[in-house]
C-alpha atoms as a PDB file:
ATOM      1  CA  MET A   1      50.259  52.886 -71.942  1.00  0.00           C
ATOM      2  CA  GLU A   2      52.829  55.673 -72.441  1.00  0.00           C
ATOM      3  CA  SER A   3      50.386  57.570 -74.653  1.00  0.00           C
ATOM      4  CA  ASN A   4      47.779  57.516 -71.842  1.00  0.00           C
ATOM      5  CA  LYS A   5      50.378  58.946 -69.484  1.00  0.00           C
ATOM      6  CA  ALA A   6      51.268  61.642 -71.987  1.00  0.00           C
ATOM      7  CA  ASN A   7      47.583  62.482 -72.567  1.00  0.00           C
ATOM      8  CA  SER A   8      46.843  62.784 -68.848  1.00  0.00           C
ATOM      9  CA  ALA A   9      49.932  64.992 -68.411  1.00  0.00           C
ATOM     10  CA  ALA A  10      48.701  67.211 -71.231  1.00  0.00           C
ATOM     11  CA  ALA A  11      45.249  67.427 -69.627  1.00  0.00           C
ATOM     12  CA  SER A  12      46.631  68.565 -66.261  1.00  0.00           C
ATOM     13  CA  PRO A  13      49.893  70.524 -66.295  1.00  0.00           C
ATOM     14  CA  GLU A  14      52.524  69.506 -63.757  1.00  0.00           C
ATOM     15  CA  ASN A  15      53.036  71.625 -60.666  1.00  0.00           C
ATOM     16  CA  PRO A  16      55.935  74.010 -61.531  1.00  0.00           C
ATOM     17  CA  LYS A  17      57.791  73.117 -58.308  1.00  0.00           C
ATOM     18  CA  VAL A  18      57.552  69.414 -59.115  1.00  0.00           C
ATOM     19  CA  SER A  19      58.748  70.198 -62.628  1.00  0.00           C
ATOM     20  CA  THR A  20      61.793  72.064 -61.277  1.00  0.00           C
ATOM     21  CA  VAL A  21      62.757  69.142 -59.037  1.00  0.00           C
ATOM     22  CA  ARG A  22      62.156  66.654 -61.851  1.00  0.00           C
ATOM     23  CA  ARG A  23      64.496  68.705 -64.103  1.00  0.00           C
ATOM     24  CA  LEU A  24      67.188  68.521 -61.391  1.00  0.00           C
ATOM     25  CA  TYR A  25      67.072  64.715 -61.269  1.00  0.00           C
ATOM     26  CA  GLU A  26      66.975  64.454 -65.057  1.00  0.00           C
ATOM     27  CA  ALA A  27      70.041  66.697 -65.331  1.00  0.00           C
ATOM     28  CA  LEU A  28      71.919  64.656 -62.709  1.00  0.00           C
ATOM     29  CA  ALA A  29      70.978  61.396 -64.430  1.00  0.00           C
ATOM     30  CA  ALA A  30      72.332  62.763 -67.718  1.00  0.00           C
ATOM     31  CA  GLY A  31      75.592  63.766 -66.012  1.00  0.00           C
ATOM     32  CA  ASN A  32      74.818  67.458 -66.464  1.00  0.00           C
ATOM     33  CA  ARG A  33      76.093  69.509 -63.541  1.00  0.00           C
ATOM     34  CA  ARG A  34      74.780  72.806 -64.897  1.00  0.00           C
ATOM     35  CA  ILE A  35      71.999  73.081 -62.390  1.00  0.00           C
ATOM     36  CA  SER A  36      72.910  76.396 -60.731  1.00  0.00           C
ATOM     37  CA  ASP A  37      69.749  78.030 -62.114  1.00  0.00           C
ATOM     38  CA  LEU A  38      67.683  75.507 -60.131  1.00  0.00           C
ATOM     39  CA  ILE A  39      69.434  75.803 -56.736  1.00  0.00           C
ATOM     40  CA  ALA A  40      70.037  78.855 -54.554  1.00  0.00           C
ATOM     41  CA  SER A  41      73.687  79.675 -53.905  1.00  0.00           C
ATOM     42  CA  ASP A  42      72.995  79.624 -50.151  1.00  0.00           C
ATOM     43  CA  LEU A  43      71.142  76.283 -50.160  1.00  0.00           C
ATOM     44  CA  GLU A  44      70.225  75.166 -46.621  1.00  0.00           C
ATOM     45  CA  TRP A  45      71.078  71.487 -46.137  1.00  0.00           C
ATOM     46  CA  TRP A  46      69.973  68.877 -43.571  1.00  0.00           C
ATOM     47  CA  PHE A  47      71.000  65.228 -43.568  1.00  0.00           C
ATOM     48  CA  HIS A  48      69.772  62.228 -41.572  1.00  0.00           C
ATOM     49  CA  GLY A  49      71.393  58.839 -42.097  1.00  0.00           C
ATOM     50  CA  PRO A  50      74.738  57.023 -42.106  1.00  0.00           C
ATOM     51  CA  GLN A  51      77.651  59.424 -42.443  1.00  0.00           C
ATOM     52  CA  ASN A  52      78.947  57.669 -45.560  1.00  0.00           C
ATOM     53  CA  CYS A  53      75.686  58.358 -47.441  1.00  0.00           C
ATOM     54  CA  HIS A  54      75.998  62.092 -48.242  1.00  0.00           C
ATOM     55  CA  TYR A  55      75.543  61.223 -51.916  1.00  0.00           C
ATOM     56  CA  MET A  56      73.499  64.202 -53.035  1.00  0.00           C
ATOM     57  CA  MET A  57      75.748  66.721 -51.269  1.00  0.00           C
ATOM     58  CA  LYS A  58      78.792  65.142 -52.937  1.00  0.00           C
ATOM     59  CA  THR A  59      77.037  65.107 -56.310  1.00  0.00           C
ATOM     60  CA  LEU A  60      75.871  68.747 -56.136  1.00  0.00           C
ATOM     61  CA  THR A  61      79.249  70.037 -54.919  1.00  0.00           C
ATOM     62  CA  GLY A  62      81.182  68.060 -57.542  1.00  0.00           C
ATOM     63  CA  LYS A  63      82.978  65.879 -54.968  1.00  0.00           C
ATOM     64  CA  SER A  64      81.703  62.711 -56.632  1.00  0.00           C
ATOM     65  CA  SER A  65      80.887  61.525 -60.080  1.00  0.00           C
ATOM     66  CA  PRO A  66      77.212  61.072 -61.067  1.00  0.00           C
ATOM     67  CA  SER A  67      78.048  57.398 -61.501  1.00  0.00           C
ATOM     68  CA  ASP A  68      79.009  57.000 -57.818  1.00  0.00           C
ATOM     69  CA  PHE A  69      75.366  56.857 -56.815  1.00  0.00           C
ATOM     70  CA  LYS A  70      72.405  57.108 -59.149  1.00  0.00           C
ATOM     71  CA  PHE A  71      69.307  58.843 -57.771  1.00  0.00           C
ATOM     72  CA  GLU A  72      66.382  57.245 -59.580  1.00  0.00           C
ATOM     73  CA  PRO A  73      63.180  58.691 -58.143  1.00  0.00           C
ATOM     74  CA  ARG A  74      60.276  56.268 -57.691  1.00  0.00           C
ATOM     75  CA  SER A  75      57.882  59.057 -56.754  1.00  0.00           C
ATOM     76  CA  ILE A  76      57.884  62.881 -56.869  1.00  0.00           C
ATOM     77  CA  ASP A  77      55.081  64.586 -54.969  1.00  0.00           C
ATOM     78  CA  GLY A  78      54.260  68.228 -54.320  1.00  0.00           C
ATOM     79  CA  VAL A  79      52.886  68.258 -50.751  1.00  0.00           C
ATOM     80  CA  ASP A  80      52.165  71.933 -50.205  1.00  0.00           C
ATOM     81  CA  GLU A  81      52.832  75.252 -51.854  1.00  0.00           C
ATOM     82  CA  ASP A  82      56.575  75.083 -51.108  1.00  0.00           C
ATOM     83  CA  CYS A  83      57.669  71.429 -50.674  1.00  0.00           C
ATOM     84  CA  VAL A  84      58.400  68.592 -53.100  1.00  0.00           C
ATOM     85  CA  ILE A  85      59.165  65.124 -51.744  1.00  0.00           C
ATOM     86  CA  VAL A  86      61.098  62.590 -53.797  1.00  0.00           C
ATOM     87  CA  GLU A  87      61.416  58.941 -52.804  1.00  0.00           C
ATOM     88  CA  GLY A  88      63.638  56.205 -54.151  1.00  0.00           C
ATOM     89  CA  TRP A  89      65.080  52.843 -53.274  1.00  0.00           C
ATOM     90  CA  GLU A  90      67.690  50.514 -54.671  1.00  0.00           C
ATOM     91  CA  GLY A  91      66.859  46.888 -53.900  1.00  0.00           C
ATOM     92  CA  ASP A  92      66.488  46.291 -50.177  1.00  0.00           C
ATOM     93  CA  GLN A  93      69.756  47.962 -49.164  1.00  0.00           C
ATOM     94  CA  VAL A  94      69.230  51.654 -49.798  1.00  0.00           C
ATOM     95  CA  TYR A  95      66.085  53.684 -49.246  1.00  0.00           C
ATOM     96  CA  TRP A  96      66.069  57.481 -49.474  1.00  0.00           C
ATOM     97  CA  VAL A  97      63.729  60.454 -49.226  1.00  0.00           C
ATOM     98  CA  HIS A  98      64.546  63.997 -50.364  1.00  0.00           C
ATOM     99  CA  VAL A  99      62.504  66.990 -49.267  1.00  0.00           C
ATOM    100  CA  TRP A 100      63.054  70.073 -51.396  1.00  0.00           C
ATOM    101  CA  THR A 101      61.733  73.535 -50.474  1.00  0.00           C
ATOM    102  CA  LEU A 102      61.381  76.077 -53.286  1.00  0.00           C
ATOM    103  CA  LYS A 103      60.889  79.839 -53.253  1.00  0.00           C
ATOM    104  CA  ASN A 104      60.204  81.707 -56.489  1.00  0.00           C
ATOM    105  CA  GLY A 105      61.033  78.637 -58.571  1.00  0.00           C
ATOM    106  CA  VAL A 106      64.459  78.085 -56.973  1.00  0.00           C
ATOM    107  CA  ILE A 107      65.401  75.320 -54.498  1.00  0.00           C
ATOM    108  CA  THR A 108      66.332  76.991 -51.198  1.00  0.00           C
ATOM    109  CA  GLN A 109      66.342  74.078 -48.779  1.00  0.00           C
ATOM    110  CA  PHE A 110      67.155  70.387 -49.018  1.00  0.00           C
ATOM    111  CA  ARG A 111      66.610  67.612 -46.479  1.00  0.00           C
ATOM    112  CA  GLU A 112      68.035  64.189 -47.180  1.00  0.00           C
ATOM    113  CA  TYR A 113      66.999  61.012 -45.293  1.00  0.00           C
ATOM    114  CA  PHE A 114      68.641  57.619 -45.799  1.00  0.00           C
ATOM    115  CA  ASN A 115      67.188  54.297 -44.625  1.00  0.00           C
ATOM    116  CA  THR A 116      64.481  55.993 -42.565  1.00  0.00           C
ATOM    117  CA  TRP A 117      60.704  55.724 -42.819  1.00  0.00           C
ATOM    118  CA  LEU A 118      59.439  59.299 -43.005  1.00  0.00           C
ATOM    119  CA  THR A 119      56.065  60.831 -42.219  1.00  0.00           C
ATOM    120  CA  VAL A 120      55.477  64.471 -43.125  1.00  0.00           C
ATOM    121  CA  LYS A 121      52.698  66.484 -41.510  1.00  0.00           C
ATOM    122  CA  ASP A 122      51.707  70.091 -41.952  1.00  0.00           C
ATOM    123  CA  LEU A 123      51.552  71.593 -38.458  1.00  0.00           C
ATOM    124  CA  ARG A 124      51.071  75.208 -39.494  1.00  0.00           C
ATOM    125  CA  ARG A 125      47.999  76.981 -38.185  1.00  0.00           C
ATOM    126  CA  ARG A 126      45.339  76.825 -40.853  1.00  0.00           C
ATOM    127  CA  PRO A 127      42.066  74.940 -41.307  1.00  0.00           C
ATOM    128  CA  VAL A 128      42.718  71.228 -40.823  1.00  0.00           C
ATOM    129  CA  VAL A 129      41.350  68.832 -43.408  1.00  0.00           C
ATOM    130  CA  LYS A 130      39.833  65.817 -41.685  1.00  0.00           C
ATOM    131  CA  CYS A 131      40.125  62.276 -42.990  1.00  0.00           C
ATOM    132  CA  THR A 132      37.014  60.109 -42.999  1.00  0.00           C
ATOM    133  CA  SER A 133      38.202  58.620 -39.707  1.00  0.00           C
ATOM    134  CA  GLY A 134      38.134  62.091 -38.137  1.00  0.00           C
ATOM    135  CA  ALA A 135      41.923  62.318 -37.709  1.00  0.00           C
ATOM    136  CA  ALA A 136      43.944  65.199 -39.173  1.00  0.00           C
ATOM    137  CA  SER A 137      45.251  64.245 -42.622  1.00  0.00           C
ATOM    138  CA  THR A 138      48.880  63.258 -43.150  1.00  0.00           C
ATOM    139  CA  LEU A 139      50.356  65.065 -46.129  1.00  0.00           C
ATOM    140  CA  TRP A 140      52.845  62.367 -47.023  1.00  0.00           C
ATOM    141  CA  GLN A 141      54.208  59.030 -45.732  1.00  0.00           C
ATOM    142  CA  SER A 142      57.094  57.092 -47.202  1.00  0.00           C
ATOM    143  CA  HIS A 143      56.532  53.814 -49.028  1.00  0.00           C
ATOM    144  CA  PRO A 144      59.767  51.818 -48.768  1.00  0.00           C
ATOM    145  CA  GLN A 145      59.796  48.297 -50.186  1.00  0.00           C
ATOM    146  CA  ASP A 146      60.761  45.104 -48.400  1.00  0.00           C
ATOM    147  CA  LEU A 147      59.678  46.261 -44.931  1.00  0.00           C
ATOM    148  CA  ALA A 148      58.837  42.703 -43.975  1.00  0.00           C
ATOM    149  CA  LYS A 149      62.554  41.830 -44.131  1.00  0.00           C
ATOM    150  CA  ARG A 150      63.814  44.660 -41.967  1.00  0.00           C
ATOM    151  CA  SER A 151      62.888  47.525 -39.710  1.00  0.00           C
ATOM    152  CA  LEU A 152      63.498  51.169 -40.572  1.00  0.00           C
ATOM    153  CA  PRO A 153      63.532  53.909 -37.912  1.00  0.00           C
ATOM    154  CA  GLU A 154      60.569  56.266 -38.351  1.00  0.00           C
ATOM    155  CA  LEU A 155      60.870  60.019 -38.284  1.00  0.00           C
ATOM    156  CA  MET A 156      58.143  62.675 -38.238  1.00  0.00           C
ATOM    157  CA  LEU A 157      58.947  65.795 -40.263  1.00  0.00           C
ATOM    158  CA  ALA A 158      56.844  68.843 -39.513  1.00  0.00           C
ATOM    159  CA  ILE A 159      56.477  71.455 -42.200  1.00  0.00           C
END
């Protein structure tokens, strides 16, 4: 099965913005903090969630060890020409979504959401792609697990 994955990746090259974000998570997972070439020095940061869950900020600023919280992405999606959305969950206790904005191959903005169901829509003025139902298409919607056991607040993020 891995060879099929490798073959399909070779047939269609990965979006460079997705590749940049993937390299960031791989570096963090390996304990490598040399990621300054991936992130702008004036990174804009937004956070939504419990105050004790600023894990990525603590990791990127060196205020925590990479072992304090492991970001293991379950999905990485490029949703438009600038944004990459990464989703992950750990059991039924922690669910997170990261929205990265890149300019010229460098991450310039980061939005972090903890234990929140997130829907992202493109509200910029341009031709709207219609779904078969006739409604405007949603670019991305989170997919947390174990929703039957609990309720997550839902946010709409406009890009």
